[in-house]
PDB file of N, CA and C in Angstrom:
ATOM      1  N   MET A   1       0.847  -1.178   0.000  1.00  0.00           N
ATOM      2  CA  MET A   1       0.000   0.000   0.000  1.00  0.00           C
ATOM      3  C   MET A   1       0.891   1.240   0.000  1.00  0.00           C
ATOM      4  N   ARG A   2       0.439   2.264  -0.711  1.00  0.00           N
ATOM      5  CA  ARG A   2       1.166   3.529  -0.752  1.00  0.00           C
ATOM      6  C   ARG A   2       1.205   4.164   0.644  1.00  0.00           C
ATOM      7  N   LEU A   3       2.287   4.856   0.935  1.00  0.00           N
ATOM      8  CA  LEU A   3       2.456   5.500   2.229  1.00  0.00           C
ATOM      9  C   LEU A   3       1.361   6.522   2.513  1.00  0.00           C
ATOM     10  N   ASP A   4       1.048   7.399   1.552  1.00  0.00           N
ATOM     11  CA  ASP A   4       0.029   8.420   1.812  1.00  0.00           C
ATOM     12  C   ASP A   4      -1.333   7.791   2.094  1.00  0.00           C
ATOM     13  N   LYS A   5      -1.664   6.733   1.398  1.00  0.00           N
ATOM     14  CA  LYS A   5      -2.945   6.045   1.643  1.00  0.00           C
ATOM     15  C   LYS A   5      -2.934   5.355   3.001  1.00  0.00           C
ATOM     16  N   TYR A   6      -1.805   4.731   3.363  1.00  0.00           N
ATOM     17  CA  TYR A   6      -1.717   4.066   4.667  1.00  0.00           C
ATOM     18  C   TYR A   6      -1.922   5.068   5.800  1.00  0.00           C
ATOM     19  N   LEU A   7      -1.306   6.230   5.697  1.00  0.00           N
ATOM     20  CA  LEU A   7      -1.442   7.239   6.745  1.00  0.00           C
ATOM     21  C   LEU A   7      -2.888   7.681   6.904  1.00  0.00           C
ATOM     22  N   LYS A   8      -3.626   7.744   5.802  1.00  0.00           N
ATOM     23  CA  LYS A   8      -5.038   8.114   5.860  1.00  0.00           C
ATOM     24  C   LYS A   8      -5.898   6.966   6.397  1.00  0.00           C
ATOM     25  N   VAL A   9      -5.727   5.756   5.864  1.00  0.00           N
ATOM     26  CA  VAL A   9      -6.539   4.604   6.277  1.00  0.00           C
ATOM     27  C   VAL A   9      -6.336   4.297   7.762  1.00  0.00           C
ATOM     28  N   SER A  10      -5.096   4.409   8.236  1.00  0.00           N
ATOM     29  CA  SER A  10      -4.803   4.136   9.646  1.00  0.00           C
ATOM     30  C   SER A  10      -5.196   5.307  10.545  1.00  0.00           C
ATOM     31  N   ARG A  11      -5.585   6.415   9.915  1.00  0.00           N
ATOM     32  CA  ARG A  11      -6.006   7.632  10.599  1.00  0.00           C
ATOM     33  C   ARG A  11      -4.879   8.269  11.438  1.00  0.00           C
ATOM     34  N   ILE A  12      -3.651   8.002  11.049  1.00  0.00           N
ATOM     35  CA  ILE A  12      -2.532   8.723  11.659  1.00  0.00           C
ATOM     36  C   ILE A  12      -2.618  10.178  11.217  1.00  0.00           C
ATOM     37  N   ILE A  13      -2.894  10.377   9.920  1.00  0.00           N
ATOM     38  CA  ILE A  13      -3.166  11.701   9.363  1.00  0.00           C
ATOM     39  C   ILE A  13      -4.569  11.631   8.780  1.00  0.00           C
ATOM     40  N   LYS A  14      -5.378  12.625   9.066  1.00  0.00           N
ATOM     41  CA  LYS A  14      -6.809  12.558   8.758  1.00  0.00           C
ATOM     42  C   LYS A  14      -7.151  12.615   7.269  1.00  0.00           C
ATOM     43  N   ARG A  15      -6.354  13.326   6.460  1.00  0.00           N
ATOM     44  CA  ARG A  15      -6.669  13.457   5.039  1.00  0.00           C
ATOM     45  C   ARG A  15      -5.474  13.041   4.193  1.00  0.00           C
ATOM     46  N   ARG A  16      -5.766  12.390   3.072  1.00  0.00           N
ATOM     47  CA  ARG A  16      -4.700  11.905   2.201  1.00  0.00           C
ATOM     48  C   ARG A  16      -3.892  13.047   1.592  1.00  0.00           C
ATOM     49  N   THR A  17      -4.540  14.166   1.299  1.00  0.00           N
ATOM     50  CA  THR A  17      -3.805  15.300   0.730  1.00  0.00           C
ATOM     51  C   THR A  17      -2.788  15.847   1.723  1.00  0.00           C
ATOM     52  N   VAL A  18      -3.141  15.852   3.005  1.00  0.00           N
ATOM     53  CA  VAL A  18      -2.208  16.307   4.038  1.00  0.00           C
ATOM     54  C   VAL A  18      -1.063  15.304   4.165  1.00  0.00           C
ATOM     55  N   ALA A  19      -1.374  14.011   4.085  1.00  0.00           N
ATOM     56  CA  ALA A  19      -0.340  12.974   4.143  1.00  0.00           C
ATOM     57  C   ALA A  19       0.624  13.110   2.961  1.00  0.00           C
ATOM     58  N   LYS A  20       0.077  13.362   1.769  1.00  0.00           N
ATOM     59  CA  LYS A  20       0.910  13.532   0.577  1.00  0.00           C
ATOM     60  C   LYS A  20       1.814  14.751   0.719  1.00  0.00           C
ATOM     61  N   GLU A  21       1.263  15.838   1.217  1.00  0.00           N
ATOM     62  CA  GLU A  21       2.048  17.059   1.418  1.00  0.00           C
ATOM     63  C   GLU A  21       3.178  16.830   2.422  1.00  0.00           C
ATOM     64  N   ALA A  22       2.889  16.111   3.503  1.00  0.00           N
ATOM     65  CA  ALA A  22       3.920  15.814   4.510  1.00  0.00           C
ATOM     66  C   ALA A  22       5.053  14.999   3.893  1.00  0.00           C
ATOM     67  N   CYS A  23       4.703  14.046   3.040  1.00  0.00           N
ATOM     68  CA  CYS A  23       5.723  13.231   2.378  1.00  0.00           C
ATOM     69  C   CYS A  23       6.530  14.060   1.383  1.00  0.00           C
ATOM     70  N   ASP A  24       5.839  14.892   0.610  1.00  0.00           N
ATOM     71  CA  ASP A  24       6.505  15.715  -0.407  1.00  0.00           C
ATOM     72  C   ASP A  24       7.505  16.695   0.200  1.00  0.00           C
ATOM     73  N   THR A  25       7.254  17.143   1.420  1.00  0.00           N
ATOM     74  CA  THR A  25       8.146  18.119   2.054  1.00  0.00           C
ATOM     75  C   THR A  25       9.211  17.458   2.936  1.00  0.00           C
ATOM     76  N   GLY A  26       9.308  16.129   2.889  1.00  0.00           N
ATOM     77  CA  GLY A  26      10.377  15.424   3.593  1.00  0.00           C
ATOM     78  C   GLY A  26      10.166  15.247   5.083  1.00  0.00           C
ATOM     79  N   ARG A  27       8.924  15.342   5.542  1.00  0.00           N
ATOM     80  CA  ARG A  27       8.659  15.208   6.975  1.00  0.00           C
ATOM     81  C   ARG A  27       8.317  13.796   7.397  1.00  0.00           C
ATOM     82  N   VAL A  28       8.274  12.859   6.435  1.00  0.00           N
ATOM     83  CA  VAL A  28       7.942  11.469   6.744  1.00  0.00           C
ATOM     84  C   VAL A  28       9.090  10.573   6.308  1.00  0.00           C
ATOM     85  N   SER A  29       9.489   9.657   7.181  1.00  0.00           N
ATOM     86  CA  SER A  29      10.527   8.701   6.817  1.00  0.00           C
ATOM     87  C   SER A  29      10.094   7.295   7.217  1.00  0.00           C
ATOM     88  N   ILE A  30      10.583   6.329   6.462  1.00  0.00           N
ATOM     89  CA  ILE A  30      10.333   4.917   6.748  1.00  0.00           C
ATOM     90  C   ILE A  30      11.686   4.266   6.970  1.00  0.00           C
ATOM     91  N   ASN A  31      11.837   3.635   8.118  1.00  0.00           N
ATOM     92  CA  ASN A  31      13.082   2.949   8.484  1.00  0.00           C
ATOM     93  C   ASN A  31      14.301   3.861   8.328  1.00  0.00           C
ATOM     94  N   GLY A  32      14.135   5.121   8.698  1.00  0.00           N
ATOM     95  CA  GLY A  32      15.248   6.066   8.690  1.00  0.00           C
ATOM     96  C   GLY A  32      15.523   6.745   7.362  1.00  0.00           C
ATOM     97  N   LYS A  33      14.751   6.446   6.311  1.00  0.00           N
ATOM     98  CA  LYS A  33      14.963   7.057   5.007  1.00  0.00           C
ATOM     99  C   LYS A  33      13.751   7.912   4.656  1.00  0.00           C
ATOM    100  N   VAL A  34      14.000   9.118   4.130  1.00  0.00           N
ATOM    101  CA  VAL A  34      12.909  10.010   3.727  1.00  0.00           C
ATOM    102  C   VAL A  34      12.080   9.290   2.670  1.00  0.00           C
ATOM    103  N   ALA A  35      10.756   9.345   2.837  1.00  0.00           N
ATOM    104  CA  ALA A  35       9.855   8.591   1.963  1.00  0.00           C
ATOM    105  C   ALA A  35       8.970   9.499   1.124  1.00  0.00           C
ATOM    106  N   LYS A  36       8.693   9.080  -0.093  1.00  0.00           N
ATOM    107  CA  LYS A  36       7.776   9.781  -0.985  1.00  0.00           C
ATOM    108  C   LYS A  36       6.371   9.219  -0.778  1.00  0.00           C
ATOM    109  N   PRO A  37       5.322   9.918  -1.232  1.00  0.00           N
ATOM    110  CA  PRO A  37       3.948   9.453  -1.030  1.00  0.00           C
ATOM    111  C   PRO A  37       3.677   8.066  -1.603  1.00  0.00           C
ATOM    112  N   GLY A  38       4.348   7.695  -2.685  1.00  0.00           N
ATOM    113  CA  GLY A  38       4.111   6.410  -3.338  1.00  0.00           C
ATOM    114  C   GLY A  38       4.939   5.259  -2.797  1.00  0.00           C
ATOM    115  N   THR A  39       5.760   5.509  -1.786  1.00  0.00           N
ATOM    116  CA  THR A  39       6.587   4.454  -1.206  1.00  0.00           C
ATOM    117  C   THR A  39       5.694   3.370  -0.607  1.00  0.00           C
ATOM    118  N   GLU A  40       6.017   2.117  -0.903  1.00  0.00           N
ATOM    119  CA  GLU A  40       5.238   1.008  -0.363  1.00  0.00           C
ATOM    120  C   GLU A  40       5.583   0.788   1.109  1.00  0.00           C
ATOM    121  N   VAL A  41       4.543   0.554   1.919  1.00  0.00           N
ATOM    122  CA  VAL A  41       4.753   0.257   3.334  1.00  0.00           C
ATOM    123  C   VAL A  41       4.498  -1.225   3.574  1.00  0.00           C
ATOM    124  N   ASN A  42       5.218  -1.782   4.527  1.00  0.00           N
ATOM    125  CA  ASN A  42       5.092  -3.191   4.872  1.00  0.00           C
ATOM    126  C   ASN A  42       4.986  -3.343   6.385  1.00  0.00           C
ATOM    127  N   VAL A  43       4.488  -4.492   6.806  1.00  0.00           N
ATOM    128  CA  VAL A  43       4.415  -4.800   8.233  1.00  0.00           C
ATOM    129  C   VAL A  43       5.830  -4.754   8.801  1.00  0.00           C
ATOM    130  N   ASN A  44       5.968  -4.236  10.015  1.00  0.00           N
ATOM    131  CA  ASN A  44       7.223  -4.087  10.768  1.00  0.00           C
ATOM    132  C   ASN A  44       8.063  -2.889  10.348  1.00  0.00           C
ATOM    133  N   ASP A  45       7.631  -2.112   9.352  1.00  0.00           N
ATOM    134  CA  ASP A  45       8.335  -0.871   9.026  1.00  0.00           C
ATOM    135  C   ASP A  45       8.116   0.127  10.163  1.00  0.00           C
ATOM    136  N   ILE A  46       9.068   1.029  10.352  1.00  0.00           N
ATOM    137  CA  ILE A  46       8.960   2.097  11.340  1.00  0.00           C
ATOM    138  C   ILE A  46       8.774   3.414  10.586  1.00  0.00           C
ATOM    139  N   ILE A  47       7.660   4.096  10.885  1.00  0.00           N
ATOM    140  CA  ILE A  47       7.351   5.383  10.254  1.00  0.00           C
ATOM    141  C   ILE A  47       7.645   6.491  11.259  1.00  0.00           C
ATOM    142  N   GLU A  48       8.315   7.545  10.794  1.00  0.00           N
ATOM    143  CA  GLU A  48       8.543   8.734  11.617  1.00  0.00           C
ATOM    144  C   GLU A  48       7.924   9.930  10.887  1.00  0.00           C
ATOM    145  N   ILE A  49       7.099  10.696  11.610  1.00  0.00           N
ATOM    146  CA  ILE A  49       6.445  11.869  11.031  1.00  0.00           C
ATOM    147  C   ILE A  49       6.752  13.074  11.903  1.00  0.00           C
ATOM    148  N   ARG A  50       7.168  14.191  11.264  1.00  0.00           N
ATOM    149  CA  ARG A  50       7.479  15.418  11.984  1.00  0.00           C
ATOM    150  C   ARG A  50       6.577  16.541  11.494  1.00  0.00           C
ATOM    151  N   PHE A  51       5.859  17.171  12.417  1.00  0.00           N
ATOM    152  CA  PHE A  51       5.038  18.352  12.133  1.00  0.00           C
ATOM    153  C   PHE A  51       5.410  19.411  13.150  1.00  0.00           C
ATOM    154  N   GLY A  52       6.182  20.390  12.740  1.00  0.00           N
ATOM    155  CA  GLY A  52       6.607  21.431  13.678  1.00  0.00           C
ATOM    156  C   GLY A  52       7.421  20.823  14.814  1.00  0.00           C
ATOM    157  N   ASN A  53       6.965  21.035  16.043  1.00  0.00           N
ATOM    158  CA  ASN A  53       7.699  20.485  17.193  1.00  0.00           C
ATOM    159  C   ASN A  53       7.117  19.152  17.662  1.00  0.00           C
ATOM    160  N   ARG A  54       6.148  18.605  16.905  1.00  0.00           N
ATOM    161  CA  ARG A  54       5.551  17.313  17.250  1.00  0.00           C
ATOM    162  C   ARG A  54       6.185  16.213  16.409  1.00  0.00           C
ATOM    163  N   MET A  55       6.339  15.034  17.003  1.00  0.00           N
ATOM    164  CA  MET A  55       6.933  13.911  16.294  1.00  0.00           C
ATOM    165  C   MET A  55       6.211  12.643  16.678  1.00  0.00           C
ATOM    166  N   LEU A  56       6.012  11.754  15.699  1.00  0.00           N
ATOM    167  CA  LEU A  56       5.407  10.456  15.931  1.00  0.00           C
ATOM    168  C   LEU A  56       6.301   9.397  15.316  1.00  0.00           C
ATOM    169  N   LYS A  57       6.593   8.381  16.096  1.00  0.00           N
ATOM    170  CA  LYS A  57       7.342   7.229  15.595  1.00  0.00           C
ATOM    171  C   LYS A  57       6.465   6.018  15.868  1.00  0.00           C
ATOM    172  N   ALA A  58       6.101   5.282  14.803  1.00  0.00           N
ATOM    173  CA  ALA A  58       5.178   4.161  14.957  1.00  0.00           C
ATOM    174  C   ALA A  58       5.647   2.962  14.140  1.00  0.00           C
ATOM    175  N   GLU A  59       5.331   1.773  14.643  1.00  0.00           N
ATOM    176  CA  GLU A  59       5.622   0.528  13.942  1.00  0.00           C
ATOM    177  C   GLU A  59       4.351   0.057  13.254  1.00  0.00           C
ATOM    178  N   ILE A  60       4.456  -0.331  11.998  1.00  0.00           N
ATOM    179  CA  ILE A  60       3.301  -0.823  11.254  1.00  0.00           C
ATOM    180  C   ILE A  60       3.032  -2.262  11.662  1.00  0.00           C
ATOM    181  N   LEU A  61       1.810  -2.522  12.132  1.00  0.00           N
ATOM    182  CA  LEU A  61       1.414  -3.861  12.543  1.00  0.00           C
ATOM    183  C   LEU A  61       0.537  -4.552  11.507  1.00  0.00           C
ATOM    184  N   ASP A  62      -0.185  -3.770  10.696  1.00  0.00           N
ATOM    185  CA  ASP A  62      -1.103  -4.342   9.718  1.00  0.00           C
ATOM    186  C   ASP A  62      -1.266  -3.373   8.553  1.00  0.00           C
ATOM    187  N   VAL A  63      -1.418  -3.928   7.354  1.00  0.00           N
ATOM    188  CA  VAL A  63      -1.679  -3.128   6.169  1.00  0.00           C
ATOM    189  C   VAL A  63      -2.990  -3.647   5.575  1.00  0.00           C
ATOM    190  N   ALA A  64      -4.051  -2.845   5.638  1.00  0.00           N
ATOM    191  CA  ALA A  64      -5.360  -3.243   5.136  1.00  0.00           C
ATOM    192  C   ALA A  64      -5.991  -2.100   4.362  1.00  0.00           C
ATOM    193  N   GLU A  65      -6.695  -2.428   3.287  1.00  0.00           N
ATOM    194  CA  GLU A  65      -7.318  -1.422   2.436  1.00  0.00           C
ATOM    195  C   GLU A  65      -8.500  -0.728   3.105  1.00  0.00           C
ATOM    196  N   ASN A  66      -9.383  -1.505   3.719  1.00  0.00           N
ATOM    197  CA  ASN A  66     -10.591  -0.962   4.326  1.00  0.00           C
ATOM    198  C   ASN A  66     -10.632  -1.303   5.803  1.00  0.00           C
ATOM    199  N   VAL A  67     -10.658  -0.271   6.633  1.00  0.00           N
ATOM    200  CA  VAL A  67     -10.673  -0.454   8.072  1.00  0.00           C
ATOM    201  C   VAL A  67     -11.695   0.488   8.676  1.00  0.00           C
ATOM    202  N   LYS A  68     -12.488  -0.022   9.599  1.00  0.00           N
ATOM    203  CA  LYS A  68     -13.430   0.848  10.304  1.00  0.00           C
ATOM    204  C   LYS A  68     -12.664   1.724  11.278  1.00  0.00           C
ATOM    205  N   LYS A  69     -13.279   2.812  11.677  1.00  0.00           N
ATOM    206  CA  LYS A  69     -12.646   3.773  12.577  1.00  0.00           C
ATOM    207  C   LYS A  69     -12.118   3.093  13.845  1.00  0.00           C
ATOM    208  N   GLU A  70     -12.912   2.168  14.386  1.00  0.00           N
ATOM    209  CA  GLU A  70     -12.518   1.497  15.634  1.00  0.00           C
ATOM    210  C   GLU A  70     -11.279   0.610  15.454  1.00  0.00           C
ATOM    211  N   GLY A  71     -11.073   0.092  14.259  1.00  0.00           N
ATOM    212  CA  GLY A  71      -9.950  -0.804  14.020  1.00  0.00           C
ATOM    213  C   GLY A  71      -8.692  -0.124  13.527  1.00  0.00           C
ATOM    214  N   ALA A  72      -8.765   1.169  13.233  1.00  0.00           N
ATOM    215  CA  ALA A  72      -7.621   1.879  12.654  1.00  0.00           C
ATOM    216  C   ALA A  72      -6.418   1.910  13.592  1.00  0.00           C
ATOM    217  N   ALA A  73      -6.647   2.081  14.873  1.00  0.00           N
ATOM    218  CA  ALA A  73      -5.538   2.166  15.827  1.00  0.00           C
ATOM    219  C   ALA A  73      -4.777   0.851  15.952  1.00  0.00           C
ATOM    220  N   ALA A  74      -5.388  -0.259  15.566  1.00  0.00           N
ATOM    221  CA  ALA A  74      -4.723  -1.564  15.640  1.00  0.00           C
ATOM    222  C   ALA A  74      -3.754  -1.772  14.475  1.00  0.00           C
ATOM    223  N   MET A  75      -3.731  -0.851  13.522  1.00  0.00           N
ATOM    224  CA  MET A  75      -2.841  -0.982  12.369  1.00  0.00           C
ATOM    225  C   MET A  75      -1.404  -0.580  12.685  1.00  0.00           C
ATOM    226  N   TYR A  76      -1.203   0.124  13.797  1.00  0.00           N
ATOM    227  CA  TYR A  76       0.135   0.580  14.152  1.00  0.00           C
ATOM    228  C   TYR A  76       0.292   0.620  15.672  1.00  0.00           C
ATOM    229  N   ARG A  77       1.558   0.665  16.099  1.00  0.00           N
ATOM    230  CA  ARG A  77       1.870   0.787  17.526  1.00  0.00           C
ATOM    231  C   ARG A  77       2.784   1.992  17.676  1.00  0.00           C
ATOM    232  N   VAL A  78       2.370   2.927  18.529  1.00  0.00           N
ATOM    233  CA  VAL A  78       3.177   4.123  18.764  1.00  0.00           C
ATOM    234  C   VAL A  78       4.409   3.743  19.566  1.00  0.00           C
ATOM    235  N   VAL A  79       5.574   4.053  19.001  1.00  0.00           N
ATOM    236  CA  VAL A  79       6.829   3.796  19.684  1.00  0.00           C
ATOM    237  C   VAL A  79       7.240   5.025  20.485  1.00  0.00           C
ATOM    238  N   GLU A  80       6.951   6.203  19.919  1.00  0.00           N
ATOM    239  CA  GLU A  80       7.363   7.460  20.551  1.00  0.00           C
ATOM    240  C   GLU A  80       6.514   8.594  19.987  1.00  0.00           C
ATOM    241  N   GLY A  81       6.095   9.511  20.833  1.00  0.00           N
ATOM    242  CA  GLY A  81       5.372  10.686  20.369  1.00  0.00           C
ATOM    243  C   GLY A  81       3.880  10.611  20.599  1.00  0.00           C
ATOM    244  N   GLU A  82       3.148  11.524  19.907  1.00  0.00           N
ATOM    245  CA  GLU A  82       1.697  11.624  20.025  1.00  0.00           C
ATOM    246  C   GLU A  82       1.017  10.716  19.020  1.00  0.00           C
ATOM    247  N   ASP A  83      -0.283  10.436  19.251  1.00  0.00           N
ATOM    248  CA  ASP A  83      -1.018   9.473  18.429  1.00  0.00           C
ATOM    249  C   ASP A  83      -1.342   9.950  17.011  1.00  0.00           C
ATOM    250  N   THR A  84      -1.907  11.142  16.839  1.00  0.00           N
ATOM    251  CA  THR A  84      -2.337  11.577  15.520  1.00  0.00           C
ATOM    252  C   THR A  84      -1.986  13.029  15.264  1.00  0.00           C
ATOM    253  N   PHE A  85      -2.093  13.428  13.990  1.00  0.00           N
ATOM    254  CA  PHE A  85      -1.806  14.797  13.584  1.00  0.00           C
ATOM    255  C   PHE A  85      -3.034  15.421  12.992  1.00  0.00           C
TER     256      PHE A  85
END
């Protein structure tokens, strides 16, 4: 799954356009490397997102196309930082 779509489906970032913008400006990295919106995400990858002085580091636990709101938080585990942006 594309990174920008994963961020939206998992509800880490509420809108896909915001997720794409964050990736385009270099604020999102996967496993320590700056990631583009189309970068594929896999289970066990570590995502880091920086917005101003806020930072989120999360491990991907599941990659699913359609997830209900209640199940979105089970797609990742916060390693460090705040839950959502």
